[in-house]
Amino acid sequence: MSEEQRAERKPCLKCLLQEIDPEAYERDIQRLLKAMKPGEKVRDEEYERRLSLCKACERLSNATCSACGCYVEIRAAGVRNHCPYKHW
């Protein structure tokens, strides 16, 4: 997708970064997820469960949680992390 097409696209406020900008997701989020040690990450099933709860939350805005400001795709991956509103 060209820069012009990206600029014309209205951002989806209820989407994850992987849906809004796959290139940025690969460059930024995937790099951070891959850097996490196995004991620091939740299992894939739990990660997907957490993301689905975030996607349904009214506080998700432009791939971030408006309650805490995190990228939900990073926060949801951490074993010790939690939702500020205790959704997970």
PDB file of N, CA and C in Angstrom:
ATOM      1  N   MET A   1       0.843  -1.174   0.000  1.00  0.00           N
ATOM      2  CA  MET A   1       0.000   0.000   0.000  1.00  0.00           C
ATOM      3  C   MET A   1       0.889   1.238   0.000  1.00  0.00           C
ATOM      4  N   SER A   2       0.588   2.161  -0.870  1.00  0.00           N
ATOM      5  CA  SER A   2       1.403   3.370  -0.986  1.00  0.00           C
ATOM      6  C   SER A   2       1.117   4.329   0.167  1.00  0.00           C
ATOM      7  N   GLU A   3       2.017   5.267   0.354  1.00  0.00           N
ATOM      8  CA  GLU A   3       1.832   6.290   1.396  1.00  0.00           C
ATOM      9  C   GLU A   3       0.556   7.090   1.146  1.00  0.00           C
ATOM     10  N   GLU A   4       0.282   7.388  -0.107  1.00  0.00           N
ATOM     11  CA  GLU A   4      -0.916   8.149  -0.459  1.00  0.00           C
ATOM     12  C   GLU A   4      -2.178   7.366  -0.098  1.00  0.00           C
ATOM     13  N   GLN A   5      -2.205   6.081  -0.390  1.00  0.00           N
ATOM     14  CA  GLN A   5      -3.355   5.256  -0.051  1.00  0.00           C
ATOM     15  C   GLN A   5      -3.530   5.172   1.457  1.00  0.00           C
ATOM     16  N   ARG A   6      -2.423   5.050   2.170  1.00  0.00           N
ATOM     17  CA  ARG A   6      -2.487   4.996   3.630  1.00  0.00           C
ATOM     18  C   ARG A   6      -3.026   6.295   4.202  1.00  0.00           C
ATOM     19  N   ALA A   7      -2.618   7.416   3.643  1.00  0.00           N
ATOM     20  CA  ALA A   7      -3.070   8.722   4.123  1.00  0.00           C
ATOM     21  C   ALA A   7      -4.560   8.909   3.869  1.00  0.00           C
ATOM     22  N   GLU A   8      -5.065   8.349   2.785  1.00  0.00           N
ATOM     23  CA  GLU A   8      -6.479   8.482   2.461  1.00  0.00           C
ATOM     24  C   GLU A   8      -7.354   7.568   3.292  1.00  0.00           C
ATOM     25  N   ARG A   9      -6.794   6.488   3.788  1.00  0.00           N
ATOM     26  CA  ARG A   9      -7.545   5.519   4.567  1.00  0.00           C
ATOM     27  C   ARG A   9      -7.858   6.063   5.944  1.00  0.00           C
ATOM     28  N   LYS A  10      -9.092   6.002   6.334  1.00  0.00           N
ATOM     29  CA  LYS A  10      -9.473   6.407   7.683  1.00  0.00           C
ATOM     30  C   LYS A  10      -9.071   5.283   8.635  1.00  0.00           C
ATOM     31  N   PRO A  11      -8.371   5.605   9.707  1.00  0.00           N
ATOM     32  CA  PRO A  11      -7.934   4.545  10.619  1.00  0.00           C
ATOM     33  C   PRO A  11      -9.125   3.902  11.337  1.00  0.00           C
ATOM     34  N   CYS A  12      -9.022   2.618  11.503  1.00  0.00           N
ATOM     35  CA  CYS A  12     -10.039   1.885  12.247  1.00  0.00           C
ATOM     36  C   CYS A  12      -9.724   2.015  13.726  1.00  0.00           C
ATOM     37  N   LEU A  13     -10.599   2.622  14.460  1.00  0.00           N
ATOM     38  CA  LEU A  13     -10.331   2.841  15.876  1.00  0.00           C
ATOM     39  C   LEU A  13     -10.522   1.584  16.713  1.00  0.00           C
ATOM     40  N   LYS A  14     -11.229   0.610  16.193  1.00  0.00           N
ATOM     41  CA  LYS A  14     -11.482  -0.613  16.945  1.00  0.00           C
ATOM     42  C   LYS A  14     -10.673  -1.782  16.402  1.00  0.00           C
ATOM     43  N   CYS A  15      -9.515  -1.506  15.855  1.00  0.00           N
ATOM     44  CA  CYS A  15      -8.672  -2.552  15.273  1.00  0.00           C
ATOM     45  C   CYS A  15      -7.346  -2.640  16.011  1.00  0.00           C
ATOM     46  N   LEU A  16      -6.705  -3.765  15.817  1.00  0.00           N
ATOM     47  CA  LEU A  16      -5.358  -3.964  16.312  1.00  0.00           C
ATOM     48  C   LEU A  16      -4.382  -3.441  15.281  1.00  0.00           C
ATOM     49  N   LEU A  17      -3.146  -3.219  15.675  1.00  0.00           N
ATOM     50  CA  LEU A  17      -2.151  -2.691  14.752  1.00  0.00           C
ATOM     51  C   LEU A  17      -1.934  -3.626  13.573  1.00  0.00           C
ATOM     52  N   GLN A  18      -2.015  -4.929  13.805  1.00  0.00           N
ATOM     53  CA  GLN A  18      -1.832  -5.869  12.704  1.00  0.00           C
ATOM     54  C   GLN A  18      -2.894  -5.683  11.620  1.00  0.00           C
ATOM     55  N   GLU A  19      -4.051  -5.116  11.963  1.00  0.00           N
ATOM     56  CA  GLU A  19      -5.109  -4.851  10.995  1.00  0.00           C
ATOM     57  C   GLU A  19      -5.000  -3.447  10.397  1.00  0.00           C
ATOM     58  N   ILE A  20      -4.512  -2.510  11.161  1.00  0.00           N
ATOM     59  CA  ILE A  20      -4.401  -1.123  10.710  1.00  0.00           C
ATOM     60  C   ILE A  20      -3.212  -0.943   9.775  1.00  0.00           C
ATOM     61  N   ASP A  21      -2.063  -1.440  10.205  1.00  0.00           N
ATOM     62  CA  ASP A  21      -0.833  -1.247   9.440  1.00  0.00           C
ATOM     63  C   ASP A  21       0.041  -2.492   9.567  1.00  0.00           C
ATOM     64  N   PRO A  22      -0.195  -3.485   8.712  1.00  0.00           N
ATOM     65  CA  PRO A  22       0.567  -4.734   8.814  1.00  0.00           C
ATOM     66  C   PRO A  22       2.078  -4.544   8.765  1.00  0.00           C
ATOM     67  N   GLU A  23       2.553  -3.568   8.012  1.00  0.00           N
ATOM     68  CA  GLU A  23       4.003  -3.332   7.940  1.00  0.00           C
ATOM     69  C   GLU A  23       4.544  -2.855   9.283  1.00  0.00           C
ATOM     70  N   ALA A  24       3.846  -1.938   9.924  1.00  0.00           N
ATOM     71  CA  ALA A  24       4.273  -1.457  11.245  1.00  0.00           C
ATOM     72  C   ALA A  24       4.184  -2.578  12.270  1.00  0.00           C
ATOM     73  N   TYR A  25       3.165  -3.409  12.148  1.00  0.00           N
ATOM     74  CA  TYR A  25       3.018  -4.543  13.058  1.00  0.00           C
ATOM     75  C   TYR A  25       4.223  -5.470  12.931  1.00  0.00           C
ATOM     76  N   GLU A  26       4.576  -5.821  11.705  1.00  0.00           N
ATOM     77  CA  GLU A  26       5.728  -6.689  11.486  1.00  0.00           C
ATOM     78  C   GLU A  26       7.012  -6.043  11.990  1.00  0.00           C
ATOM     79  N   ARG A  27       7.173  -4.771  11.713  1.00  0.00           N
ATOM     80  CA  ARG A  27       8.401  -4.060  12.063  1.00  0.00           C
ATOM     81  C   ARG A  27       8.521  -3.856  13.579  1.00  0.00           C
ATOM     82  N   ASP A  28       7.442  -3.478  14.233  1.00  0.00           N
ATOM     83  CA  ASP A  28       7.514  -3.073  15.639  1.00  0.00           C
ATOM     84  C   ASP A  28       7.007  -4.138  16.617  1.00  0.00           C
ATOM     85  N   ILE A  29       5.763  -4.530  16.472  1.00  0.00           N
ATOM     86  CA  ILE A  29       5.149  -5.439  17.442  1.00  0.00           C
ATOM     87  C   ILE A  29       5.764  -6.836  17.351  1.00  0.00           C
ATOM     88  N   GLN A  30       5.860  -7.386  16.152  1.00  0.00           N
ATOM     89  CA  GLN A  30       6.438  -8.723  16.014  1.00  0.00           C
ATOM     90  C   GLN A  30       7.867  -8.776  16.529  1.00  0.00           C
ATOM     91  N   ARG A  31       8.622  -7.723  16.296  1.00  0.00           N
ATOM     92  CA  ARG A  31      10.007  -7.684  16.790  1.00  0.00           C
ATOM     93  C   ARG A  31      10.030  -7.773  18.314  1.00  0.00           C
ATOM     94  N   LEU A  32       9.141  -7.051  18.966  1.00  0.00           N
ATOM     95  CA  LEU A  32       9.086  -7.079  20.428  1.00  0.00           C
ATOM     96  C   LEU A  32       8.575  -8.416  20.942  1.00  0.00           C
ATOM     97  N   LEU A  33       7.581  -8.980  20.275  1.00  0.00           N
ATOM     98  CA  LEU A  33       7.057 -10.283  20.692  1.00  0.00           C
ATOM     99  C   LEU A  33       8.125 -11.364  20.557  1.00  0.00           C
ATOM    100  N   LYS A  34       8.883 -11.322  19.485  1.00  0.00           N
ATOM    101  CA  LYS A  34       9.943 -12.316  19.276  1.00  0.00           C
ATOM    102  C   LYS A  34      11.071 -12.166  20.289  1.00  0.00           C
ATOM    103  N   ALA A  35      11.261 -10.968  20.806  1.00  0.00           N
ATOM    104  CA  ALA A  35      12.320 -10.721  21.787  1.00  0.00           C
ATOM    105  C   ALA A  35      11.949 -11.235  23.181  1.00  0.00           C
ATOM    106  N   MET A  36      10.663 -11.502  23.413  1.00  0.00           N
ATOM    107  CA  MET A  36      10.234 -12.003  24.717  1.00  0.00           C
ATOM    108  C   MET A  36      10.693 -13.444  24.895  1.00  0.00           C
ATOM    109  N   LYS A  37      11.135 -13.772  26.084  1.00  0.00           N
ATOM    110  CA  LYS A  37      11.554 -15.133  26.395  1.00  0.00           C
ATOM    111  C   LYS A  37      10.312 -16.014  26.557  1.00  0.00           C
ATOM    112  N   PRO A  38      10.438 -17.307  26.281  1.00  0.00           N
ATOM    113  CA  PRO A  38       9.270 -18.191  26.368  1.00  0.00           C
ATOM    114  C   PRO A  38       8.516 -18.119  27.695  1.00  0.00           C
ATOM    115  N   GLY A  39       9.180 -18.018  28.788  1.00  0.00           N
ATOM    116  CA  GLY A  39       8.514 -17.939  30.087  1.00  0.00           C
ATOM    117  C   GLY A  39       7.803 -16.621  30.340  1.00  0.00           C
ATOM    118  N   GLU A  40       8.085 -15.625  29.519  1.00  0.00           N
ATOM    119  CA  GLU A  40       7.468 -14.303  29.671  1.00  0.00           C
ATOM    120  C   GLU A  40       6.162 -14.173  28.891  1.00  0.00           C
ATOM    121  N   LYS A  41       5.930 -15.092  27.953  1.00  0.00           N
ATOM    122  CA  LYS A  41       4.775 -15.004  27.065  1.00  0.00           C
ATOM    123  C   LYS A  41       3.693 -16.009  27.450  1.00  0.00           C
ATOM    124  N   VAL A  42       2.448 -15.586  27.271  1.00  0.00           N
ATOM    125  CA  VAL A  42       1.339 -16.514  27.457  1.00  0.00           C
ATOM    126  C   VAL A  42       1.268 -17.445  26.245  1.00  0.00           C
ATOM    127  N   ARG A  43       0.546 -18.532  26.376  1.00  0.00           N
ATOM    128  CA  ARG A  43       0.352 -19.456  25.257  1.00  0.00           C
ATOM    129  C   ARG A  43      -0.473 -18.764  24.176  1.00  0.00           C
ATOM    130  N   ASP A  44      -0.332 -19.248  22.962  1.00  0.00           N
ATOM    131  CA  ASP A  44      -1.022 -18.641  21.816  1.00  0.00           C
ATOM    132  C   ASP A  44      -2.529 -18.550  22.022  1.00  0.00           C
ATOM    133  N   GLU A  45      -3.129 -19.585  22.586  1.00  0.00           N
ATOM    134  CA  GLU A  45      -4.580 -19.590  22.800  1.00  0.00           C
ATOM    135  C   GLU A  45      -4.994 -18.468  23.760  1.00  0.00           C
ATOM    136  N   GLU A  46      -4.218 -18.301  24.819  1.00  0.00           N
ATOM    137  CA  GLU A  46      -4.514 -17.241  25.793  1.00  0.00           C
ATOM    138  C   GLU A  46      -4.296 -15.869  25.179  1.00  0.00           C
ATOM    139  N   TYR A  47      -3.258 -15.739  24.370  1.00  0.00           N
ATOM    140  CA  TYR A  47      -2.981 -14.474  23.686  1.00  0.00           C
ATOM    141  C   TYR A  47      -4.159 -14.082  22.802  1.00  0.00           C
ATOM    142  N   GLU A  48      -4.653 -15.020  22.014  1.00  0.00           N
ATOM    143  CA  GLU A  48      -5.788 -14.742  21.128  1.00  0.00           C
ATOM    144  C   GLU A  48      -7.046 -14.434  21.928  1.00  0.00           C
ATOM    145  N   ARG A  49      -7.255 -15.118  23.042  1.00  0.00           N
ATOM    146  CA  ARG A  49      -8.411 -14.851  23.907  1.00  0.00           C
ATOM    147  C   ARG A  49      -8.350 -13.427  24.444  1.00  0.00           C
ATOM    148  N   ARG A  50      -7.179 -13.020  24.912  1.00  0.00           N
ATOM    149  CA  ARG A  50      -7.006 -11.667  25.441  1.00  0.00           C
ATOM    150  C   ARG A  50      -7.251 -10.620  24.349  1.00  0.00           C
ATOM    151  N   LEU A  51      -6.692 -10.856  23.170  1.00  0.00           N
ATOM    152  CA  LEU A  51      -6.888  -9.894  22.077  1.00  0.00           C
ATOM    153  C   LEU A  51      -8.358  -9.775  21.686  1.00  0.00           C
ATOM    154  N   SER A  52      -9.080 -10.892  21.702  1.00  0.00           N
ATOM    155  CA  SER A  52     -10.502 -10.818  21.348  1.00  0.00           C
ATOM    156  C   SER A  52     -11.280 -10.008  22.386  1.00  0.00           C
ATOM    157  N   LEU A  53     -10.898 -10.107  23.642  1.00  0.00           N
ATOM    158  CA  LEU A  53     -11.533  -9.293  24.680  1.00  0.00           C
ATOM    159  C   LEU A  53     -11.186  -7.815  24.499  1.00  0.00           C
ATOM    160  N   CYS A  54      -9.947  -7.532  24.137  1.00  0.00           N
ATOM    161  CA  CYS A  54      -9.541  -6.148  23.882  1.00  0.00           C
ATOM    162  C   CYS A  54     -10.307  -5.568  22.693  1.00  0.00           C
ATOM    163  N   LYS A  55     -10.466  -6.372  21.649  1.00  0.00           N
ATOM    164  CA  LYS A  55     -11.182  -5.886  20.463  1.00  0.00           C
ATOM    165  C   LYS A  55     -12.637  -5.559  20.773  1.00  0.00           C
ATOM    166  N   ALA A  56     -13.221  -6.233  21.746  1.00  0.00           N
ATOM    167  CA  ALA A  56     -14.614  -5.989  22.114  1.00  0.00           C
ATOM    168  C   ALA A  56     -14.755  -4.834  23.117  1.00  0.00           C
ATOM    169  N   CYS A  57     -13.656  -4.349  23.625  1.00  0.00           N
ATOM    170  CA  CYS A  57     -13.677  -3.319  24.672  1.00  0.00           C
ATOM    171  C   CYS A  57     -13.823  -1.921  24.073  1.00  0.00           C
ATOM    172  N   GLU A  58     -14.618  -1.105  24.725  1.00  0.00           N
ATOM    173  CA  GLU A  58     -14.817   0.274  24.260  1.00  0.00           C
ATOM    174  C   GLU A  58     -13.585   1.144  24.467  1.00  0.00           C
ATOM    175  N   ARG A  59     -12.619   0.658  25.202  1.00  0.00           N
ATOM    176  CA  ARG A  59     -11.408   1.444  25.455  1.00  0.00           C
ATOM    177  C   ARG A  59     -10.314   1.221  24.409  1.00  0.00           C
ATOM    178  N   LEU A  60     -10.534   0.282  23.493  1.00  0.00           N
ATOM    179  CA  LEU A  60      -9.580   0.075  22.405  1.00  0.00           C
ATOM    180  C   LEU A  60      -9.730   1.205  21.403  1.00  0.00           C
ATOM    181  N   SER A  61      -8.641   1.883  21.140  1.00  0.00           N
ATOM    182  CA  SER A  61      -8.675   2.998  20.206  1.00  0.00           C
ATOM    183  C   SER A  61      -7.376   3.040  19.420  1.00  0.00           C
ATOM    184  N   ASN A  62      -7.482   2.765  18.135  1.00  0.00           N
ATOM    185  CA  ASN A  62      -6.320   2.847  17.252  1.00  0.00           C
ATOM    186  C   ASN A  62      -5.181   1.950  17.736  1.00  0.00           C
ATOM    187  N   ALA A  63      -5.519   0.725  18.087  1.00  0.00           N
ATOM    188  CA  ALA A  63      -4.586  -0.327  18.517  1.00  0.00           C
ATOM    189  C   ALA A  63      -4.029  -0.139  19.926  1.00  0.00           C
ATOM    190  N   THR A  64      -4.469   0.888  20.623  1.00  0.00           N
ATOM    191  CA  THR A  64      -3.997   1.105  21.992  1.00  0.00           C
ATOM    192  C   THR A  64      -5.153   1.087  22.986  1.00  0.00           C
ATOM    193  N   CYS A  65      -4.822   0.827  24.217  1.00  0.00           N
ATOM    194  CA  CYS A  65      -5.799   0.854  25.298  1.00  0.00           C
ATOM    195  C   CYS A  65      -5.857   2.283  25.839  1.00  0.00           C
ATOM    196  N   SER A  66      -7.024   2.888  25.764  1.00  0.00           N
ATOM    197  CA  SER A  66      -7.129   4.263  26.255  1.00  0.00           C
ATOM    198  C   SER A  66      -7.079   4.336  27.772  1.00  0.00           C
ATOM    199  N   ALA A  67      -7.208   3.195  28.446  1.00  0.00           N
ATOM    200  CA  ALA A  67      -7.118   3.177  29.903  1.00  0.00           C
ATOM    201  C   ALA A  67      -5.673   3.302  30.371  1.00  0.00           C
ATOM    202  N   CYS A  68      -4.741   2.651  29.647  1.00  0.00           N
ATOM    203  CA  CYS A  68      -3.348   2.665  30.112  1.00  0.00           C
ATOM    204  C   CYS A  68      -2.363   3.160  29.058  1.00  0.00           C
ATOM    205  N   GLY A  69      -2.790   3.246  27.799  1.00  0.00           N
ATOM    206  CA  GLY A  69      -1.921   3.743  26.735  1.00  0.00           C
ATOM    207  C   GLY A  69      -1.045   2.707  26.073  1.00  0.00           C
ATOM    208  N   CYS A  70      -1.199   1.446  26.422  1.00  0.00           N
ATOM    209  CA  CYS A  70      -0.346   0.399  25.850  1.00  0.00           C
ATOM    210  C   CYS A  70      -0.835  -0.029  24.476  1.00  0.00           C
ATOM    211  N   TYR A  71       0.065  -0.650  23.725  1.00  0.00           N
ATOM    212  CA  TYR A  71      -0.343  -1.400  22.546  1.00  0.00           C
ATOM    213  C   TYR A  71      -0.862  -2.721  23.086  1.00  0.00           C
ATOM    214  N   VAL A  72      -2.130  -3.010  22.865  1.00  0.00           N
ATOM    215  CA  VAL A  72      -2.712  -4.211  23.458  1.00  0.00           C
ATOM    216  C   VAL A  72      -2.026  -5.483  22.978  1.00  0.00           C
ATOM    217  N   GLU A  73      -1.472  -5.491  21.777  1.00  0.00           N
ATOM    218  CA  GLU A  73      -0.806  -6.681  21.262  1.00  0.00           C
ATOM    219  C   GLU A  73       0.469  -7.006  22.035  1.00  0.00           C
ATOM    220  N   ILE A  74       1.055  -6.031  22.680  1.00  0.00           N
ATOM    221  CA  ILE A  74       2.227  -6.281  23.530  1.00  0.00           C
ATOM    222  C   ILE A  74       1.770  -6.658  24.938  1.00  0.00           C
ATOM    223  N   ARG A  75       0.883  -5.869  25.501  1.00  0.00           N
ATOM    224  CA  ARG A  75       0.418  -6.130  26.864  1.00  0.00           C
ATOM    225  C   ARG A  75      -0.213  -7.513  26.982  1.00  0.00           C
ATOM    226  N   ALA A  76      -1.015  -7.897  25.992  1.00  0.00           N
ATOM    227  CA  ALA A  76      -1.712  -9.182  26.047  1.00  0.00           C
ATOM    228  C   ALA A  76      -0.755 -10.370  26.005  1.00  0.00           C
ATOM    229  N   ALA A  77       0.440 -10.184  25.529  1.00  0.00           N
ATOM    230  CA  ALA A  77       1.401 -11.288  25.395  1.00  0.00           C
ATOM    231  C   ALA A  77       2.088 -11.637  26.711  1.00  0.00           C
ATOM    232  N   GLY A  78       2.172 -10.710  27.632  1.00  0.00           N
ATOM    233  CA  GLY A  78       2.960 -10.937  28.842  1.00  0.00           C
ATOM    234  C   GLY A  78       2.247 -11.731  29.914  1.00  0.00           C
ATOM    235  N   VAL A  79       2.931 -12.729  30.443  1.00  0.00           N
ATOM    236  CA  VAL A  79       2.389 -13.569  31.510  1.00  0.00           C
ATOM    237  C   VAL A  79       1.996 -12.736  32.725  1.00  0.00           C
ATOM    238  N   ARG A  80       2.807 -11.780  33.076  1.00  0.00           N
ATOM    239  CA  ARG A  80       2.558 -10.980  34.282  1.00  0.00           C
ATOM    240  C   ARG A  80       1.664  -9.769  34.035  1.00  0.00           C
ATOM    241  N   ASN A  81       1.324  -9.518  32.792  1.00  0.00           N
ATOM    242  CA  ASN A  81       0.489  -8.363  32.470  1.00  0.00           C
ATOM    243  C   ASN A  81      -0.981  -8.669  32.718  1.00  0.00           C
ATOM    244  N   HIS A  82      -1.746  -7.624  32.890  1.00  0.00           N
ATOM    245  CA  HIS A  82      -3.189  -7.772  33.087  1.00  0.00           C
ATOM    246  C   HIS A  82      -3.915  -6.577  32.504  1.00  0.00           C
ATOM    247  N   CYS A  83      -5.182  -6.746  32.288  1.00  0.00           N
ATOM    248  CA  CYS A  83      -6.023  -5.653  31.810  1.00  0.00           C
ATOM    249  C   CYS A  83      -6.305  -4.710  32.979  1.00  0.00           C
ATOM    250  N   PRO A  84      -6.200  -3.390  32.769  1.00  0.00           N
ATOM    251  CA  PRO A  84      -6.478  -2.459  33.868  1.00  0.00           C
ATOM    252  C   PRO A  84      -7.919  -2.528  34.366  1.00  0.00           C
ATOM    253  N   TYR A  85      -8.818  -3.082  33.548  1.00  0.00           N
ATOM    254  CA  TYR A  85     -10.216  -3.224  33.941  1.00  0.00           C
ATOM    255  C   TYR A  85     -10.579  -4.662  34.238  1.00  0.00           C
ATOM    256  N   LYS A  86      -9.567  -5.491  34.416  1.00  0.00           N
ATOM    257  CA  LYS A  86      -9.702  -6.885  34.820  1.00  0.00           C
ATOM    258  C   LYS A  86     -10.576  -7.715  33.866  1.00  0.00           C
ATOM    259  N   HIS A  87     -10.497  -7.401  32.572  1.00  0.00           N
ATOM    260  CA  HIS A  87     -11.194  -8.225  31.580  1.00  0.00           C
ATOM    261  C   HIS A  87     -10.445  -9.535  31.346  1.00  0.00           C
ATOM    262  N   TRP A  88      -9.152  -9.516  31.617  1.00  0.00           N
ATOM    263  CA  TRP A  88      -8.333 -10.725  31.564  1.00  0.00           C
ATOM    264  C   TRP A  88      -7.180 -10.601  32.549  1.00  0.00           C
TER     265      TRP A  88
END
